Amino acid sequence: MWPFKNRPKLARPDEFPAVIDVLRDKLRSHGFTAEADRLQEILEGVWTTSNELYGELFVALKRIQRERRDLPRDIAAEIRRLSKSINSICPWR
C-alpha cells in the first residue's frame, strides 16, 4: 500500500529502465514510433553518470509531451508521472 495518499506513486531509480520500456512499448503500439525509438536510443546509450541519463530522459519526455498533443490520456499521464519521478530522483539536474 502506498503510504502517502496525497502524493502520486513515483518510479524509483531501480525501476526506471523497466518503466521506460513499458512506456516505449505503449508509444509504439499507438503508432508513435519516432518517440519510442528516441526512448530506446536513450536507454541504449552510454552515460558517464546517472544524471546524464535522467537529464536526457527528462528532455525527451518533455519534448514528447510538448510536440505530441494527440497522445492517449494514459500515456500522457505516465509521461507526467515519469517527469515528476526524475525531478524527485535528481532535483539538482
N, C-alpha and C. Protein backbone atom coordinates (compact mmCIF):
# COMPACT_ATOMS: atom_id res chain seq x y z
N MET A 1 0.84 -1.19 0.00
CA MET A 1 0.00 0.00 0.00
C MET A 1 0.88 1.24 0.00
N TRP A 2 0.52 2.22 -0.78
CA TRP A 2 1.27 3.47 -0.88
C TRP A 2 0.92 4.33 0.33
N PRO A 3 1.91 4.65 1.19
CA PRO A 3 1.62 5.33 2.45
C PRO A 3 1.26 6.81 2.33
N PHE A 4 1.54 7.42 1.20
CA PHE A 4 1.30 8.85 1.05
C PHE A 4 0.08 9.06 0.16
N LYS A 5 -1.06 9.26 0.74
CA LYS A 5 -2.30 9.33 -0.02
C LYS A 5 -2.37 10.52 -0.97
N ASN A 6 -1.76 11.63 -0.60
CA ASN A 6 -1.86 12.85 -1.40
C ASN A 6 -0.73 12.99 -2.41
N ARG A 7 0.18 12.02 -2.45
CA ARG A 7 1.31 12.11 -3.37
C ARG A 7 1.22 10.98 -4.39
N PRO A 8 1.52 11.29 -5.65
CA PRO A 8 1.48 10.23 -6.66
C PRO A 8 2.59 9.22 -6.42
N LYS A 9 2.36 8.02 -6.85
CA LYS A 9 3.38 6.98 -6.71
C LYS A 9 4.42 7.21 -7.80
N LEU A 10 5.63 7.54 -7.39
CA LEU A 10 6.70 7.85 -8.32
C LEU A 10 7.56 6.61 -8.56
N ALA A 11 8.18 6.57 -9.72
CA ALA A 11 9.08 5.46 -10.03
C ALA A 11 10.41 5.67 -9.31
N ARG A 12 10.96 4.59 -8.75
CA ARG A 12 12.25 4.65 -8.08
C ARG A 12 13.36 4.46 -9.11
N PRO A 13 14.61 4.83 -8.77
CA PRO A 13 15.72 4.70 -9.72
C PRO A 13 15.88 3.27 -10.27
N ASP A 14 15.72 2.27 -9.41
CA ASP A 14 15.90 0.90 -9.87
C ASP A 14 14.76 0.43 -10.78
N GLU A 15 13.66 1.13 -10.78
CA GLU A 15 12.50 0.77 -11.62
C GLU A 15 12.54 1.46 -12.99
N PHE A 16 13.38 2.46 -13.13
CA PHE A 16 13.30 3.31 -14.32
C PHE A 16 13.47 2.59 -15.65
N PRO A 17 14.48 1.75 -15.84
CA PRO A 17 14.59 1.11 -17.17
C PRO A 17 13.34 0.33 -17.56
N ALA A 18 12.78 -0.42 -16.64
CA ALA A 18 11.58 -1.21 -16.96
C ALA A 18 10.39 -0.30 -17.22
N VAL A 19 10.27 0.78 -16.48
CA VAL A 19 9.16 1.72 -16.66
C VAL A 19 9.26 2.40 -18.02
N ILE A 20 10.46 2.78 -18.40
CA ILE A 20 10.67 3.40 -19.72
C ILE A 20 10.39 2.39 -20.83
N ASP A 21 10.77 1.13 -20.62
CA ASP A 21 10.47 0.09 -21.61
C ASP A 21 8.96 -0.04 -21.83
N VAL A 22 8.21 -0.02 -20.77
CA VAL A 22 6.75 -0.13 -20.87
C VAL A 22 6.18 1.07 -21.62
N LEU A 23 6.65 2.27 -21.27
CA LEU A 23 6.19 3.47 -21.96
C LEU A 23 6.56 3.41 -23.44
N ARG A 24 7.78 2.98 -23.73
CA ARG A 24 8.22 2.86 -25.13
C ARG A 24 7.31 1.91 -25.90
N ASP A 25 6.98 0.78 -25.29
CA ASP A 25 6.10 -0.20 -25.95
C ASP A 25 4.69 0.36 -26.17
N LYS A 26 4.20 1.12 -25.19
CA LYS A 26 2.88 1.75 -25.36
C LYS A 26 2.89 2.76 -26.49
N LEU A 27 3.95 3.57 -26.54
CA LEU A 27 4.06 4.56 -27.63
C LEU A 27 4.08 3.86 -28.98
N ARG A 28 4.89 2.82 -29.09
CA ARG A 28 5.00 2.10 -30.36
C ARG A 28 3.67 1.46 -30.76
N SER A 29 2.96 0.88 -29.79
CA SER A 29 1.69 0.22 -30.11
C SER A 29 0.61 1.21 -30.55
N HIS A 30 0.77 2.48 -30.18
CA HIS A 30 -0.19 3.51 -30.60
C HIS A 30 0.30 4.29 -31.82
N GLY A 31 1.40 3.83 -32.44
CA GLY A 31 1.87 4.45 -33.67
C GLY A 31 2.85 5.58 -33.49
N PHE A 32 3.34 5.82 -32.31
CA PHE A 32 4.31 6.89 -32.06
C PHE A 32 5.72 6.29 -32.11
N THR A 33 6.11 5.83 -33.30
CA THR A 33 7.36 5.08 -33.43
C THR A 33 8.59 5.96 -33.25
N ALA A 34 8.58 7.17 -33.75
CA ALA A 34 9.75 8.05 -33.60
C ALA A 34 10.02 8.33 -32.12
N GLU A 35 8.97 8.56 -31.37
CA GLU A 35 9.12 8.83 -29.94
C GLU A 35 9.61 7.58 -29.20
N ALA A 36 9.08 6.43 -29.57
CA ALA A 36 9.51 5.17 -28.97
C ALA A 36 10.98 4.90 -29.29
N ASP A 37 11.37 5.17 -30.53
CA ASP A 37 12.77 4.96 -30.94
C ASP A 37 13.71 5.87 -30.16
N ARG A 38 13.29 7.10 -29.92
CA ARG A 38 14.14 8.04 -29.16
C ARG A 38 14.36 7.53 -27.74
N LEU A 39 13.32 7.04 -27.09
CA LEU A 39 13.48 6.49 -25.74
C LEU A 39 14.40 5.27 -25.77
N GLN A 40 14.28 4.44 -26.80
CA GLN A 40 15.15 3.27 -26.93
C GLN A 40 16.61 3.70 -27.08
N GLU A 41 16.86 4.71 -27.91
CA GLU A 41 18.22 5.23 -28.10
C GLU A 41 18.81 5.70 -26.78
N ILE A 42 18.02 6.38 -25.99
CA ILE A 42 18.50 6.89 -24.71
C ILE A 42 18.86 5.73 -23.78
N LEU A 43 18.00 4.74 -23.71
CA LEU A 43 18.27 3.60 -22.82
C LEU A 43 19.48 2.80 -23.27
N GLU A 44 19.75 2.75 -24.55
CA GLU A 44 20.89 2.00 -25.07
C GLU A 44 22.18 2.82 -25.04
N GLY A 45 22.08 4.10 -24.74
CA GLY A 45 23.25 4.96 -24.73
C GLY A 45 24.21 4.63 -23.60
N VAL A 46 25.40 5.17 -23.72
CA VAL A 46 26.42 5.01 -22.68
C VAL A 46 26.52 6.36 -21.97
N TRP A 47 26.29 6.34 -20.68
CA TRP A 47 26.23 7.57 -19.90
C TRP A 47 27.31 7.54 -18.83
N THR A 48 27.96 8.67 -18.64
CA THR A 48 29.00 8.79 -17.62
C THR A 48 28.39 8.74 -16.24
N THR A 49 27.27 9.41 -16.08
CA THR A 49 26.59 9.44 -14.78
C THR A 49 25.10 9.18 -14.98
N SER A 50 24.45 8.80 -13.91
CA SER A 50 23.00 8.61 -13.99
C SER A 50 22.30 9.94 -14.23
N ASN A 51 22.91 11.04 -13.76
CA ASN A 51 22.30 12.35 -14.00
C ASN A 51 22.18 12.65 -15.49
N GLU A 52 23.17 12.21 -16.26
CA GLU A 52 23.10 12.40 -17.71
C GLU A 52 21.92 11.63 -18.29
N LEU A 53 21.78 10.38 -17.86
CA LEU A 53 20.67 9.56 -18.33
C LEU A 53 19.33 10.19 -17.96
N TYR A 54 19.18 10.56 -16.69
CA TYR A 54 17.92 11.17 -16.26
C TYR A 54 17.67 12.49 -16.99
N GLY A 55 18.71 13.26 -17.21
CA GLY A 55 18.56 14.53 -17.93
C GLY A 55 18.06 14.31 -19.35
N GLU A 56 18.66 13.34 -20.05
CA GLU A 56 18.24 13.03 -21.41
C GLU A 56 16.81 12.50 -21.45
N LEU A 57 16.48 11.64 -20.50
CA LEU A 57 15.10 11.13 -20.43
C LEU A 57 14.11 12.25 -20.18
N PHE A 58 14.46 13.15 -19.25
CA PHE A 58 13.57 14.27 -18.92
C PHE A 58 13.32 15.13 -20.16
N VAL A 59 14.39 15.46 -20.88
CA VAL A 59 14.25 16.29 -22.09
C VAL A 59 13.38 15.57 -23.13
N ALA A 60 13.62 14.28 -23.32
CA ALA A 60 12.84 13.52 -24.30
C ALA A 60 11.37 13.45 -23.90
N LEU A 61 11.10 13.22 -22.62
CA LEU A 61 9.71 13.15 -22.16
C LEU A 61 9.01 14.50 -22.34
N LYS A 62 9.69 15.58 -21.99
CA LYS A 62 9.09 16.91 -22.15
C LYS A 62 8.85 17.24 -23.62
N ARG A 63 9.78 16.81 -24.46
CA ARG A 63 9.61 17.07 -25.90
C ARG A 63 8.41 16.30 -26.45
N ILE A 64 8.28 15.03 -26.05
CA ILE A 64 7.13 14.23 -26.47
C ILE A 64 5.84 14.91 -26.00
N GLN A 65 5.84 15.34 -24.76
CA GLN A 65 4.66 15.99 -24.17
C GLN A 65 4.30 17.26 -24.93
N ARG A 66 5.31 18.04 -25.30
CA ARG A 66 5.09 19.32 -25.98
C ARG A 66 4.67 19.13 -27.44
N GLU A 67 5.30 18.18 -28.11
CA GLU A 67 5.08 18.02 -29.55
C GLU A 67 3.92 17.10 -29.91
N ARG A 68 3.56 16.20 -29.02
CA ARG A 68 2.52 15.24 -29.33
C ARG A 68 1.31 15.44 -28.43
N ARG A 69 0.52 16.42 -28.77
CA ARG A 69 -0.70 16.71 -28.01
C ARG A 69 -1.79 15.67 -28.25
N ASP A 70 -1.56 14.78 -29.21
CA ASP A 70 -2.55 13.76 -29.55
C ASP A 70 -2.31 12.43 -28.84
N LEU A 71 -1.49 12.44 -27.79
CA LEU A 71 -1.23 11.21 -27.04
C LEU A 71 -2.50 10.74 -26.32
N PRO A 72 -2.68 9.44 -26.22
CA PRO A 72 -3.78 8.93 -25.40
C PRO A 72 -3.60 9.40 -23.95
N ARG A 73 -4.69 9.56 -23.27
CA ARG A 73 -4.67 10.10 -21.91
C ARG A 73 -3.78 9.31 -20.96
N ASP A 74 -3.80 7.98 -21.04
CA ASP A 74 -2.98 7.17 -20.12
C ASP A 74 -1.49 7.34 -20.38
N ILE A 75 -1.11 7.48 -21.64
CA ILE A 75 0.31 7.69 -21.96
C ILE A 75 0.75 9.08 -21.51
N ALA A 76 -0.07 10.08 -21.74
CA ALA A 76 0.26 11.44 -21.29
C ALA A 76 0.42 11.49 -19.77
N ALA A 77 -0.44 10.79 -19.05
CA ALA A 77 -0.36 10.75 -17.59
C ALA A 77 0.93 10.05 -17.14
N GLU A 78 1.30 8.99 -17.83
CA GLU A 78 2.54 8.28 -17.50
C GLU A 78 3.76 9.15 -17.75
N ILE A 79 3.75 9.92 -18.81
CA ILE A 79 4.86 10.83 -19.10
C ILE A 79 4.97 11.89 -18.00
N ARG A 80 3.84 12.42 -17.56
CA ARG A 80 3.87 13.40 -16.46
C ARG A 80 4.42 12.76 -15.18
N ARG A 81 4.00 11.54 -14.89
CA ARG A 81 4.45 10.84 -13.69
C ARG A 81 5.96 10.59 -13.74
N LEU A 82 6.45 10.18 -14.90
CA LEU A 82 7.88 9.92 -15.04
C LEU A 82 8.69 11.20 -14.93
N SER A 83 8.19 12.29 -15.47
CA SER A 83 8.88 13.58 -15.34
C SER A 83 8.98 13.98 -13.88
N LYS A 84 7.90 13.81 -13.13
CA LYS A 84 7.93 14.12 -11.70
C LYS A 84 8.89 13.19 -10.97
N SER A 85 8.95 11.94 -11.38
CA SER A 85 9.86 10.99 -10.76
C SER A 85 11.32 11.41 -10.97
N ILE A 86 11.63 11.84 -12.18
CA ILE A 86 13.00 12.30 -12.46
C ILE A 86 13.34 13.49 -11.58
N ASN A 87 12.42 14.43 -11.45
CA ASN A 87 12.67 15.58 -10.58
C ASN A 87 12.84 15.15 -9.13
N SER A 88 12.16 14.11 -8.73
CA SER A 88 12.28 13.61 -7.35
C SER A 88 13.61 12.88 -7.15
N ILE A 89 14.04 12.12 -8.16
CA ILE A 89 15.27 11.34 -8.06
C ILE A 89 16.50 12.25 -8.07
N CYS A 90 16.53 13.20 -8.96
CA CYS A 90 17.69 14.10 -9.06
C CYS A 90 17.24 15.53 -9.34
N PRO A 91 16.77 16.21 -8.29
CA PRO A 91 16.28 17.58 -8.46
C PRO A 91 17.37 18.58 -8.83
N TRP A 92 18.62 18.23 -8.63
CA TRP A 92 19.72 19.14 -8.91
C TRP A 92 20.12 19.14 -10.37
N ARG A 93 19.52 18.28 -11.19
CA ARG A 93 19.85 18.14 -12.59
C ARG A 93 19.99 19.46 -13.27
